[in-house]
Amino acid sequence: MAAKSYSLKQLKIDKANSVIIGVTASAVFIVIFSLLSSQALLSQHSYNNRLGTAQQAALNQLRTDVSAVNTLDSSYETFISPSQNIIGGSSNGTGSNDGNNAQIILDALPSKYDFPALANSMQALLGRQSVNVDGITGTDDQLEQQPTATSSPTSVSIPIGFSVDGPYQNIENVVSDLQNSIRPFQVQTLSLSGNQNDILLTVSAETYYQPEKDFKITSETIK
């Protein structure tokens, strides 16, 4: 009888232990699940905060950009609207000094290297003074001068040289035209030889172009 009581008591103890183990395991699972859930919620909350901050910053920048575009558009229209351009020519004409102010600026500082176009412009400038154009020298380095994403925003020099000959007054007019040209020229060397009726002028100079800047819209990943 005692053995039977002991066995029944042991069974109750074993059952109680099983219940305790089950409750403890459940409690541990709930605690771990709660911790992991809390961590996930905190991480999501932090991400949402970063995302919201980035979105607000992007929105503020967009508003600033739109305002700047409107101001720039208004300023541009005012800049090109006068009937007389900044060098005294007609904004609507087709002469050498004509064109609106935006065209004048592009002629003065183009956005591409384009040495052939420069040589043609130089030929036209020299030909206006009835001199013999003996030669125009330079290097067509356009392929090497292609703009890249890291291109410098500053102007880039283009070496050019020429030789002309003619009467003294015509040579003097060539020098004057070079000084008054829309496109800036920085003379490196200048030499004169000959006589009053036929002077040879040889010039080595530099002019410039401004690499164009690409406008790119980028995206940012918020982590």
Protein backbone atom coordinates (compact mmCIF):
# COMPACT_ATOMS: atom_id res chain seq x y z
CA MET A 1 0.00 0.00 0.00
CA ALA A 2 2.89 2.32 0.84
CA ALA A 3 4.53 1.58 -2.52
CA LYS A 4 1.32 2.41 -4.30
CA SER A 5 0.99 5.75 -2.44
CA TYR A 6 4.57 6.58 -3.27
CA SER A 7 4.03 5.90 -6.96
CA LEU A 8 0.91 8.09 -7.05
CA LYS A 9 2.73 10.87 -5.27
CA GLN A 10 5.66 10.60 -7.67
CA LEU A 11 3.31 10.80 -10.61
CA LYS A 12 1.78 13.98 -9.23
CA ILE A 13 5.25 15.46 -8.71
CA ASP A 14 6.33 14.48 -12.23
CA LYS A 15 3.15 15.98 -13.64
CA ALA A 16 3.69 19.19 -11.68
CA ASN A 17 7.29 19.36 -12.93
CA SER A 18 6.09 18.90 -16.50
CA VAL A 19 3.61 21.73 -16.05
CA ILE A 20 6.30 23.97 -14.60
CA ILE A 21 8.69 23.16 -17.44
CA GLY A 22 5.96 23.84 -20.01
CA VAL A 23 5.00 27.14 -18.38
CA THR A 24 8.66 28.15 -18.10
CA ALA A 25 9.31 27.27 -21.74
CA SER A 26 6.24 29.23 -22.79
CA ALA A 27 7.33 32.19 -20.69
CA VAL A 28 10.84 32.07 -22.19
CA PHE A 29 9.37 31.87 -25.71
CA ILE A 30 7.08 34.83 -25.00
CA VAL A 31 9.97 36.87 -23.58
CA ILE A 32 12.24 36.10 -26.55
CA PHE A 33 9.44 36.77 -29.02
CA SER A 34 8.66 40.05 -27.27
CA LEU A 35 12.32 41.11 -27.35
CA LEU A 36 12.66 40.26 -31.03
CA SER A 37 9.38 42.01 -31.83
CA SER A 38 10.44 45.07 -29.86
CA GLN A 39 13.77 45.14 -31.64
CA ALA A 40 12.04 44.87 -35.03
CA LEU A 41 9.59 47.63 -34.09
CA LEU A 42 12.39 49.87 -32.87
CA SER A 43 14.36 49.22 -36.06
CA GLN A 44 11.30 49.98 -38.20
CA HIS A 45 10.60 53.12 -36.19
CA SER A 46 14.20 54.29 -36.64
CA TYR A 47 14.01 53.57 -40.38
CA ASN A 48 10.74 55.47 -40.67
CA ASN A 49 12.33 58.44 -38.91
CA ARG A 50 15.32 58.42 -41.27
CA LEU A 51 13.03 58.03 -44.27
CA GLY A 52 10.80 60.86 -43.13
CA THR A 53 13.78 63.14 -42.55
CA ALA A 54 15.22 62.35 -45.99
CA GLN A 55 11.84 62.88 -47.67
CA GLN A 56 11.40 66.25 -45.97
CA ALA A 57 14.91 67.30 -46.97
CA ALA A 58 14.21 66.28 -50.58
CA LEU A 59 10.92 68.17 -50.55
CA ASN A 60 12.59 71.30 -49.17
CA GLN A 61 15.32 71.06 -51.81
CA LEU A 62 12.70 70.60 -54.55
CA ARG A 63 10.85 73.70 -53.41
CA THR A 64 14.11 75.66 -53.41
CA ASP A 65 14.99 74.37 -56.88
CA VAL A 66 11.57 75.24 -58.31
CA SER A 67 11.88 78.76 -56.90
CA ALA A 68 15.38 79.08 -58.36
CA VAL A 69 14.18 77.85 -61.77
CA ASN A 70 11.40 80.43 -61.83
CA THR A 71 13.84 83.19 -60.88
CA LEU A 72 16.36 82.01 -63.48
CA ASP A 73 13.71 81.82 -66.19
CA SER A 74 12.57 85.36 -65.43
CA SER A 75 16.17 86.65 -65.40
CA TYR A 76 16.92 84.89 -68.70
CA GLU A 77 13.91 86.45 -70.41
CA THR A 78 14.99 89.87 -69.16
CA PHE A 79 18.57 89.23 -70.33
CA ILE A 80 17.61 88.37 -73.93
CA SER A 81 14.70 90.82 -74.33
CA PRO A 82 16.52 94.09 -75.27
CA SER A 83 16.44 94.92 -78.99
CA GLN A 84 20.14 95.88 -78.78
CA ASN A 85 22.58 93.31 -77.43
CA ILE A 86 25.44 93.93 -74.99
CA ILE A 87 27.95 94.66 -77.77
CA GLY A 88 25.73 97.13 -79.64
CA GLY A 89 24.33 94.81 -82.32
CA SER A 90 20.75 93.97 -83.14
CA SER A 91 19.20 91.12 -81.16
CA ASN A 92 17.29 90.02 -84.23
CA GLY A 93 19.92 90.70 -86.90
CA THR A 94 22.29 88.35 -88.69
CA GLY A 95 25.47 90.46 -88.78
CA SER A 96 28.74 89.65 -87.07
CA ASN A 97 27.75 91.63 -83.94
CA ASP A 98 24.07 90.65 -84.02
CA GLY A 99 22.15 88.08 -82.00
CA ASN A 100 20.51 88.12 -78.59
CA ASN A 101 22.62 88.31 -75.46
CA ALA A 102 22.47 84.56 -74.84
CA GLN A 103 23.89 83.91 -78.31
CA ILE A 104 26.64 86.47 -77.70
CA ILE A 105 27.66 84.71 -74.49
CA LEU A 106 27.73 81.32 -76.24
CA ASP A 107 29.87 82.80 -79.01
CA ALA A 108 32.25 84.24 -76.42
CA LEU A 109 32.58 81.05 -74.37
CA PRO A 110 31.19 77.98 -76.19
CA SER A 111 30.50 74.74 -74.38
CA LYS A 112 32.57 72.47 -76.66
CA TYR A 113 36.20 72.34 -77.78
CA ASP A 114 35.27 72.31 -81.53
CA PHE A 115 38.55 73.48 -83.06
CA PRO A 116 37.24 73.39 -86.69
CA ALA A 117 34.52 75.90 -85.76
CA LEU A 118 37.15 78.06 -84.05
CA ALA A 119 39.37 77.95 -87.15
CA ASN A 120 36.42 78.99 -89.34
CA SER A 121 35.63 81.88 -86.99
CA MET A 122 39.28 82.95 -87.05
CA GLN A 123 39.31 82.77 -90.87
CA ALA A 124 36.23 85.02 -91.00
CA LEU A 125 37.71 87.49 -88.50
CA LEU A 126 40.99 87.76 -90.40
CA GLY A 127 39.31 87.91 -93.80
CA ARG A 128 37.36 91.05 -92.92
CA GLN A 129 40.51 93.20 -93.16
CA SER A 130 41.63 92.20 -96.69
CA VAL A 131 44.84 90.50 -95.62
CA ASN A 132 46.40 87.32 -96.91
CA VAL A 133 45.82 84.49 -94.46
CA ASP A 134 49.03 82.47 -94.70
CA GLY A 135 47.97 79.85 -92.18
CA ILE A 136 45.96 78.99 -89.06
CA THR A 137 47.55 76.51 -86.70
CA GLY A 138 46.29 74.50 -83.76
CA THR A 139 45.39 71.01 -82.63
CA ASP A 140 41.99 69.40 -83.06
CA ASP A 141 41.99 67.80 -79.62
CA GLN A 142 38.24 67.43 -79.35
CA LEU A 143 38.22 63.70 -78.53
CA GLU A 144 40.65 64.20 -75.64
CA GLN A 145 38.62 67.13 -74.35
CA GLN A 146 35.28 65.36 -74.04
CA PRO A 147 33.67 66.39 -70.71
CA THR A 148 33.33 63.77 -67.99
CA ALA A 149 31.42 63.54 -64.75
CA THR A 150 34.47 64.93 -62.96
CA SER A 151 35.19 67.72 -65.46
CA SER A 152 36.39 70.96 -63.94
CA PRO A 153 33.76 73.76 -64.00
CA THR A 154 36.45 76.26 -65.02
CA SER A 155 37.20 77.29 -68.59
CA VAL A 156 39.69 75.28 -70.66
CA SER A 157 42.23 76.84 -73.01
CA ILE A 158 42.46 76.13 -76.75
CA PRO A 159 45.84 77.05 -78.32
CA ILE A 160 45.62 78.65 -81.76
CA GLY A 161 48.00 80.56 -84.00
CA PHE A 162 47.88 82.35 -87.34
CA SER A 163 50.01 84.25 -89.85
CA VAL A 164 48.74 87.02 -92.13
CA ASP A 165 50.39 89.60 -94.32
CA GLY A 166 49.23 92.83 -95.91
CA PRO A 167 49.50 96.63 -95.71
CA TYR A 168 50.32 98.21 -92.37
CA GLN A 169 46.82 99.64 -91.80
CA ASN A 170 45.17 96.30 -92.53
CA ILE A 171 47.50 94.51 -90.12
CA GLU A 172 46.73 97.11 -87.47
CA ASN A 173 43.00 96.51 -88.03
CA VAL A 174 43.55 92.76 -87.58
CA VAL A 175 45.14 93.37 -84.18
CA SER A 176 42.27 95.72 -83.26
CA ASP A 177 39.69 93.10 -84.30
CA LEU A 178 41.47 90.51 -82.20
CA GLN A 179 41.30 92.78 -79.17
CA ASN A 180 37.62 93.59 -79.72
CA SER A 181 36.53 90.04 -80.56
CA ILE A 182 33.49 88.65 -78.75
CA ARG A 183 35.53 85.55 -78.04
CA PRO A 184 38.45 86.33 -75.70
CA PHE A 185 41.98 85.74 -76.98
CA GLN A 186 45.06 85.82 -74.80
CA VAL A 187 48.07 86.56 -77.01
CA GLN A 188 51.16 84.55 -76.06
CA THR A 189 53.56 85.85 -78.72
CA LEU A 190 53.28 88.40 -81.53
CA SER A 191 55.87 89.17 -84.16
CA LEU A 192 55.99 91.66 -87.07
CA SER A 193 58.32 91.72 -90.03
CA GLY A 194 58.44 93.28 -93.50
CA ASN A 195 57.89 96.83 -94.71
CA GLN A 196 55.14 99.45 -94.74
CA ASN A 197 53.41 97.92 -97.76
CA ASP A 198 53.63 94.28 -96.76
CA ILE A 199 53.92 93.34 -93.11
CA LEU A 200 53.89 89.76 -91.90
CA LEU A 201 52.05 89.28 -88.60
CA THR A 202 52.50 86.00 -86.72
CA VAL A 203 50.48 85.42 -83.56
CA SER A 204 50.37 82.59 -81.03
CA ALA A 205 47.37 82.81 -78.69
CA GLU A 206 44.87 80.98 -76.54
CA THR A 207 41.12 81.15 -76.42
CA TYR A 208 38.76 79.20 -74.19
CA TYR A 209 35.67 77.06 -73.89
CA GLN A 210 33.51 76.23 -70.89
CA PRO A 211 32.68 72.50 -70.57
CA GLU A 212 28.96 71.98 -70.34
CA LYS A 213 27.54 70.58 -67.14
CA ASP A 214 25.05 67.74 -67.27
CA PHE A 215 21.99 67.94 -65.05
CA LYS A 216 21.37 64.54 -63.49
CA ILE A 217 18.65 63.38 -61.11
CA THR A 218 19.99 60.82 -58.66
CA SER A 219 18.33 58.53 -56.14
CA GLU A 220 19.36 57.68 -52.60
CA THR A 221 18.73 54.45 -50.74
CA ILE A 222 17.76 54.91 -47.11
CA LYS A 223 19.09 52.09 -44.94
